[in-house]
Amino acid sequence: NIYSSLGDHEEAENIRLNRIKEVGKKVQAGLSWTEVNGEIGQFKAHDRSHSRSKEIYAEAERISSERIKHGHNYDSSWITRPLHENETIESILCAQSERLAIAFNFI
């Protein structure tokens, strides 16, 4: 993450690939869980496999819009890789597993 935060994404990728070769597997994605009315929701970043995914993402977007309306600015320094063509700073930072779990609590 240090190399990526300095803009050296190529070196960061080289280190990641070397680490995968050493360990033999990729790092597992983190998961977040929450329980609402007896239903347990399990989320990982950018996951759309939940049966209520459409509602969850809509609520996450609503929460994000409210934050922006009240003066919040997203800090792109937390993003440690280049954005893909269809991504925005907000889409990267607002689809973390924790944020999806929080949004699930509000739908």
C-alpha atoms as a PDB file:
ATOM      1  CA  ASN A   1       0.000   0.000   0.000  1.00  0.00           C
ATOM      2  CA  ILE A   2       2.918   2.351   0.556  1.00  0.00           C
ATOM      3  CA  TYR A   3       4.049   2.085  -3.068  1.00  0.00           C
ATOM      4  CA  SER A   4       0.490   2.495  -4.330  1.00  0.00           C
ATOM      5  CA  SER A   5      -0.127   5.538  -2.153  1.00  0.00           C
ATOM      6  CA  LEU A   6       2.998   7.092  -3.693  1.00  0.00           C
ATOM      7  CA  GLY A   7       1.661   6.368  -7.180  1.00  0.00           C
ATOM      8  CA  ASP A   8       4.031   3.486  -7.947  1.00  0.00           C
ATOM      9  CA  HIS A   9       1.295   0.989  -8.810  1.00  0.00           C
ATOM     10  CA  GLU A  10       3.633  -1.158 -10.917  1.00  0.00           C
ATOM     11  CA  GLU A  11       5.980  -1.820  -7.990  1.00  0.00           C
ATOM     12  CA  ALA A  12       3.017  -2.470  -5.695  1.00  0.00           C
ATOM     13  CA  GLU A  13       1.684  -5.061  -8.153  1.00  0.00           C
ATOM     14  CA  ASN A  14       5.132  -6.708  -8.420  1.00  0.00           C
ATOM     15  CA  ILE A  15       5.329  -7.028  -4.646  1.00  0.00           C
ATOM     16  CA  ARG A  16       1.783  -8.429  -4.481  1.00  0.00           C
ATOM     17  CA  LEU A  17       2.547 -11.030  -7.182  1.00  0.00           C
ATOM     18  CA  ASN A  18       5.810 -12.040  -5.486  1.00  0.00           C
ATOM     19  CA  ARG A  19       3.967 -12.436  -2.194  1.00  0.00           C
ATOM     20  CA  ILE A  20       1.351 -14.656  -3.856  1.00  0.00           C
ATOM     21  CA  LYS A  21       4.155 -16.834  -5.256  1.00  0.00           C
ATOM     22  CA  GLU A  22       5.778 -17.098  -1.814  1.00  0.00           C
ATOM     23  CA  VAL A  23       2.621 -17.890   0.115  1.00  0.00           C
ATOM     24  CA  GLY A  24       0.845 -19.766  -2.648  1.00  0.00           C
ATOM     25  CA  LYS A  25      -2.505 -18.012  -2.439  1.00  0.00           C
ATOM     26  CA  LYS A  26      -4.126 -14.628  -2.561  1.00  0.00           C
ATOM     27  CA  VAL A  27      -5.145 -12.712   0.528  1.00  0.00           C
ATOM     28  CA  GLN A  28      -8.714 -13.539   1.470  1.00  0.00           C
ATOM     29  CA  ALA A  29     -11.226 -10.734   1.224  1.00  0.00           C
ATOM     30  CA  GLY A  30     -12.498  -9.380   4.516  1.00  0.00           C
ATOM     31  CA  LEU A  31     -16.114 -10.009   5.425  1.00  0.00           C
ATOM     32  CA  SER A  32     -18.598  -8.019   7.477  1.00  0.00           C
ATOM     33  CA  TRP A  33     -21.700  -9.458   9.109  1.00  0.00           C
ATOM     34  CA  THR A  34     -24.780  -7.870  10.593  1.00  0.00           C
ATOM     35  CA  GLU A  35     -28.090  -9.184  11.893  1.00  0.00           C
ATOM     36  CA  VAL A  36     -31.379  -7.444  11.136  1.00  0.00           C
ATOM     37  CA  ASN A  37     -34.682  -8.920  12.358  1.00  0.00           C
ATOM     38  CA  GLY A  38     -33.113 -12.355  12.679  1.00  0.00           C
ATOM     39  CA  GLU A  39     -31.614 -12.243   9.174  1.00  0.00           C
ATOM     40  CA  ILE A  40     -27.826 -12.355   9.017  1.00  0.00           C
ATOM     41  CA  GLY A  41     -26.256 -10.426   6.186  1.00  0.00           C
ATOM     42  CA  GLN A  42     -22.706 -11.271   5.128  1.00  0.00           C
ATOM     43  CA  PHE A  43     -20.874  -8.818   2.895  1.00  0.00           C
ATOM     44  CA  LYS A  44     -17.558  -8.434   1.140  1.00  0.00           C
ATOM     45  CA  ALA A  45     -16.430  -5.368  -0.782  1.00  0.00           C
ATOM     46  CA  HIS A  46     -18.291  -4.730  -4.047  1.00  0.00           C
ATOM     47  CA  ASP A  47     -20.362  -7.884  -3.547  1.00  0.00           C
ATOM     48  CA  ARG A  48     -23.749  -7.996  -5.266  1.00  0.00           C
ATOM     49  CA  SER A  49     -24.693 -11.584  -4.412  1.00  0.00           C
ATOM     50  CA  HIS A  50     -27.109 -10.699  -1.579  1.00  0.00           C
ATOM     51  CA  SER A  51     -30.778 -11.174  -2.503  1.00  0.00           C
ATOM     52  CA  ARG A  52     -31.448  -7.531  -1.553  1.00  0.00           C
ATOM     53  CA  SER A  53     -28.340  -6.180  -3.228  1.00  0.00           C
ATOM     54  CA  LYS A  54     -30.228  -3.608  -5.296  1.00  0.00           C
ATOM     55  CA  GLU A  55     -31.838  -2.142  -2.165  1.00  0.00           C
ATOM     56  CA  ILE A  56     -28.568  -2.241  -0.224  1.00  0.00           C
ATOM     57  CA  TYR A  57     -26.657  -0.331  -2.893  1.00  0.00           C
ATOM     58  CA  ALA A  58     -29.510   2.180  -3.238  1.00  0.00           C
ATOM     59  CA  GLU A  59     -29.392   2.803   0.514  1.00  0.00           C
ATOM     60  CA  ALA A  60     -25.598   3.108   0.483  1.00  0.00           C
ATOM     61  CA  GLU A  61     -25.982   5.694  -2.301  1.00  0.00           C
ATOM     62  CA  ARG A  62     -28.627   7.572  -0.291  1.00  0.00           C
ATOM     63  CA  ILE A  63     -26.362   7.665   2.762  1.00  0.00           C
ATOM     64  CA  SER A  64     -23.457   8.846   0.614  1.00  0.00           C
ATOM     65  CA  SER A  65     -25.576  11.611  -0.930  1.00  0.00           C
ATOM     66  CA  GLU A  66     -26.630  12.792   2.529  1.00  0.00           C
ATOM     67  CA  ARG A  67     -23.011  12.922   3.649  1.00  0.00           C
ATOM     68  CA  ILE A  68     -22.011  14.968   0.608  1.00  0.00           C
ATOM     69  CA  LYS A  69     -24.980  17.287   1.133  1.00  0.00           C
ATOM     70  CA  HIS A  70     -23.693  17.962   4.644  1.00  0.00           C
ATOM     71  CA  GLY A  71     -20.167  18.763   3.461  1.00  0.00           C
ATOM     72  CA  HIS A  72     -18.338  15.434   3.401  1.00  0.00           C
ATOM     73  CA  ASN A  73     -15.527  15.104   0.833  1.00  0.00           C
ATOM     74  CA  TYR A  74     -14.172  11.677  -0.070  1.00  0.00           C
ATOM     75  CA  ASP A  75     -10.422  11.305   0.484  1.00  0.00           C
ATOM     76  CA  SER A  76      -8.888   9.599  -2.541  1.00  0.00           C
ATOM     77  CA  SER A  77      -5.594   9.040  -0.703  1.00  0.00           C
ATOM     78  CA  TRP A  78      -7.163   5.878   0.771  1.00  0.00           C
ATOM     79  CA  ILE A  79      -7.343   4.316  -2.695  1.00  0.00           C
ATOM     80  CA  THR A  80      -4.134   2.400  -3.320  1.00  0.00           C
ATOM     81  CA  ARG A  81      -4.636   1.325  -6.925  1.00  0.00           C
ATOM     82  CA  PRO A  82      -5.508   3.016 -10.195  1.00  0.00           C
ATOM     83  CA  LEU A  83      -9.214   3.475 -10.901  1.00  0.00           C
ATOM     84  CA  HIS A  84     -10.739   1.371 -13.652  1.00  0.00           C
ATOM     85  CA  GLU A  85     -12.608   3.083 -16.469  1.00  0.00           C
ATOM     86  CA  ASN A  86     -16.064   2.706 -14.908  1.00  0.00           C
ATOM     87  CA  GLU A  87     -15.038   3.507 -11.315  1.00  0.00           C
ATOM     88  CA  THR A  88     -15.200   6.701  -9.292  1.00  0.00           C
ATOM     89  CA  ILE A  89     -13.556   7.592  -5.998  1.00  0.00           C
ATOM     90  CA  GLU A  90     -16.957   7.363  -4.352  1.00  0.00           C
ATOM     91  CA  SER A  91     -17.760   3.956  -5.871  1.00  0.00           C
ATOM     92  CA  ILE A  92     -14.506   2.521  -4.520  1.00  0.00           C
ATOM     93  CA  LEU A  93     -14.816   3.981  -1.036  1.00  0.00           C
ATOM     94  CA  CYS A  94     -18.557   3.356  -0.588  1.00  0.00           C
ATOM     95  CA  ALA A  95     -18.725  -0.318  -1.502  1.00  0.00           C
ATOM     96  CA  GLN A  96     -16.583  -1.601   1.344  1.00  0.00           C
ATOM     97  CA  SER A  97     -18.075  -4.510   3.243  1.00  0.00           C
ATOM     98  CA  GLU A  98     -18.681  -2.429   6.372  1.00  0.00           C
ATOM     99  CA  ARG A  99     -20.634   0.217   4.460  1.00  0.00           C
ATOM    100  CA  LEU A 100     -22.778  -2.421   2.763  1.00  0.00           C
ATOM    101  CA  ALA A 101     -23.531  -3.998   6.145  1.00  0.00           C
ATOM    102  CA  ILE A 102     -24.527  -0.604   7.558  1.00  0.00           C
ATOM    103  CA  ALA A 103     -26.781   0.105   4.570  1.00  0.00           C
ATOM    104  CA  PHE A 104     -28.447  -3.293   5.076  1.00  0.00           C
ATOM    105  CA  ASN A 105     -29.448  -2.151   8.576  1.00  0.00           C
ATOM    106  CA  PHE A 106     -31.356   0.831   7.161  1.00  0.00           C
ATOM    107  CA  ILE A 107     -33.452  -0.879   4.479  1.00  0.00           C
END
